[in-house]
Amino acid sequence: MFVIWALDGRFPSLYSMASEEDLEEELRLMYVAATRAQEGLFITYPRQVYDRGLGIVLNRPSRFIDMIPEEVLQKRYVRF
């Protein structure tokens, strides 16, 4: 299973960050993705992307990634 666009501002969305309740709902979505993955879970995100709708550059990985214990998460980086 893949979770793509795992950037703060996308997942969780910028709009949900204004409300603790909405932020918790998006965290539940991440939890569901992580617990339903049967063979592997791949969380991907670009190093930075300009969001024209928001008018900002997104470049911080999702805060949800920080909640995953290091002994569970195997980080890999791809550089171009």
C-alpha atoms as a PDB file:
ATOM      1  CA  MET A   1       0.000   0.000   0.000  1.00  0.00           C
ATOM      2  CA  PHE A   2       1.181   3.505  -0.788  1.00  0.00           C
ATOM      3  CA  VAL A   3       0.440   6.751   1.005  1.00  0.00           C
ATOM      4  CA  ILE A   4       1.488   9.529  -1.371  1.00  0.00           C
ATOM      5  CA  TRP A   5       1.908  13.285  -0.877  1.00  0.00           C
ATOM      6  CA  ALA A   6       2.644  12.822   2.834  1.00  0.00           C
ATOM      7  CA  LEU A   7       3.534  16.483   3.331  1.00  0.00           C
ATOM      8  CA  ASP A   8       2.243  18.831   6.000  1.00  0.00           C
ATOM      9  CA  GLY A   9      -0.277  20.885   4.086  1.00  0.00           C
ATOM     10  CA  ARG A  10      -1.415  17.896   2.034  1.00  0.00           C
ATOM     11  CA  PHE A  11      -1.639  15.063   4.567  1.00  0.00           C
ATOM     12  CA  PRO A  12      -2.691  16.400   6.908  1.00  0.00           C
ATOM     13  CA  SER A  13      -4.258  19.107   4.804  1.00  0.00           C
ATOM     14  CA  LEU A  14      -3.648  22.725   5.655  1.00  0.00           C
ATOM     15  CA  TYR A  15      -7.373  23.145   6.284  1.00  0.00           C
ATOM     16  CA  SER A  16      -7.501  20.353   8.870  1.00  0.00           C
ATOM     17  CA  MET A  17      -4.578  21.815  10.823  1.00  0.00           C
ATOM     18  CA  ALA A  18      -6.834  24.651  11.993  1.00  0.00           C
ATOM     19  CA  SER A  19      -9.030  22.248  13.961  1.00  0.00           C
ATOM     20  CA  GLU A  20      -7.839  19.646  16.466  1.00  0.00           C
ATOM     21  CA  GLU A  21     -10.869  17.505  15.626  1.00  0.00           C
ATOM     22  CA  ASP A  22     -10.137  17.575  11.878  1.00  0.00           C
ATOM     23  CA  LEU A  23      -6.461  16.857  12.511  1.00  0.00           C
ATOM     24  CA  GLU A  24      -7.388  13.810  14.607  1.00  0.00           C
ATOM     25  CA  GLU A  25      -9.629  12.574  11.789  1.00  0.00           C
ATOM     26  CA  GLU A  26      -6.731  12.713   9.329  1.00  0.00           C
ATOM     27  CA  LEU A  27      -4.531  10.911  11.859  1.00  0.00           C
ATOM     28  CA  ARG A  28      -7.179   8.181  11.981  1.00  0.00           C
ATOM     29  CA  LEU A  29      -6.951   7.929   8.184  1.00  0.00           C
ATOM     30  CA  MET A  30      -3.180   7.398   8.448  1.00  0.00           C
ATOM     31  CA  TYR A  31      -3.740   4.786  11.152  1.00  0.00           C
ATOM     32  CA  VAL A  32      -6.228   2.924   8.937  1.00  0.00           C
ATOM     33  CA  ALA A  33      -3.781   2.948   6.023  1.00  0.00           C
ATOM     34  CA  ALA A  34      -0.951   1.680   8.239  1.00  0.00           C
ATOM     35  CA  THR A  35      -2.971  -1.094   9.846  1.00  0.00           C
ATOM     36  CA  ARG A  36      -4.597  -2.281   6.618  1.00  0.00           C
ATOM     37  CA  ALA A  37      -1.340  -2.626   4.701  1.00  0.00           C
ATOM     38  CA  GLN A  38      -0.762  -6.370   4.454  1.00  0.00           C
ATOM     39  CA  GLU A  39       2.573  -6.703   2.695  1.00  0.00           C
ATOM     40  CA  GLY A  40       4.139  -3.303   3.123  1.00  0.00           C
ATOM     41  CA  LEU A  41       3.416   0.345   3.602  1.00  0.00           C
ATOM     42  CA  PHE A  42       5.275   2.948   1.575  1.00  0.00           C
ATOM     43  CA  ILE A  43       4.892   6.569   2.605  1.00  0.00           C
ATOM     44  CA  THR A  44       6.153   8.927  -0.073  1.00  0.00           C
ATOM     45  CA  TYR A  45       6.492  12.662  -0.427  1.00  0.00           C
ATOM     46  CA  PRO A  46       8.385  15.097  -2.644  1.00  0.00           C
ATOM     47  CA  ARG A  47      11.191  17.127  -1.104  1.00  0.00           C
ATOM     48  CA  GLN A  48       9.321  20.275  -1.988  1.00  0.00           C
ATOM     49  CA  VAL A  49       6.393  21.306  -4.126  1.00  0.00           C
ATOM     50  CA  TYR A  50       4.758  24.625  -4.853  1.00  0.00           C
ATOM     51  CA  ASP A  51       1.020  24.512  -4.183  1.00  0.00           C
ATOM     52  CA  ARG A  52      -0.566  27.056  -6.534  1.00  0.00           C
ATOM     53  CA  GLY A  53      -3.923  26.904  -4.741  1.00  0.00           C
ATOM     54  CA  LEU A  54      -2.378  27.785  -1.413  1.00  0.00           C
ATOM     55  CA  GLY A  55       0.386  29.958  -2.867  1.00  0.00           C
ATOM     56  CA  ILE A  56       3.060  28.324  -0.701  1.00  0.00           C
ATOM     57  CA  VAL A  57       5.903  25.846  -0.963  1.00  0.00           C
ATOM     58  CA  LEU A  58       5.313  22.605   0.938  1.00  0.00           C
ATOM     59  CA  ASN A  59       8.537  20.935   2.060  1.00  0.00           C
ATOM     60  CA  ARG A  60       7.983  19.389   5.491  1.00  0.00           C
ATOM     61  CA  PRO A  61       7.186  15.672   5.699  1.00  0.00           C
ATOM     62  CA  SER A  62       3.872  14.853   7.340  1.00  0.00           C
ATOM     63  CA  ARG A  63       3.866  15.229  11.105  1.00  0.00           C
ATOM     64  CA  PHE A  64       2.265  11.784  11.195  1.00  0.00           C
ATOM     65  CA  ILE A  65       5.536  10.198  10.050  1.00  0.00           C
ATOM     66  CA  ASP A  66       7.219  11.474  13.205  1.00  0.00           C
ATOM     67  CA  MET A  67       4.698   9.493  15.261  1.00  0.00           C
ATOM     68  CA  ILE A  68       5.849   6.155  13.826  1.00  0.00           C
ATOM     69  CA  PRO A  69       8.418   4.459  16.089  1.00  0.00           C
ATOM     70  CA  GLU A  70      11.912   4.249  14.575  1.00  0.00           C
ATOM     71  CA  GLU A  71      12.046   0.474  15.110  1.00  0.00           C
ATOM     72  CA  VAL A  72       9.002   0.138  12.829  1.00  0.00           C
ATOM     73  CA  LEU A  73       9.842   2.721  10.177  1.00  0.00           C
ATOM     74  CA  GLN A  74      12.661   2.064   7.760  1.00  0.00           C
ATOM     75  CA  LYS A  75      13.543   5.397   6.150  1.00  0.00           C
ATOM     76  CA  ARG A  76      14.996   5.601   2.668  1.00  0.00           C
ATOM     77  CA  TYR A  77      15.830   8.699   0.714  1.00  0.00           C
ATOM     78  CA  VAL A  78      16.057   9.113  -3.039  1.00  0.00           C
ATOM     79  CA  ARG A  79      18.154  11.992  -4.308  1.00  0.00           C
ATOM     80  CA  PHE A  80      18.221  13.244  -7.858  1.00  0.00           C
END
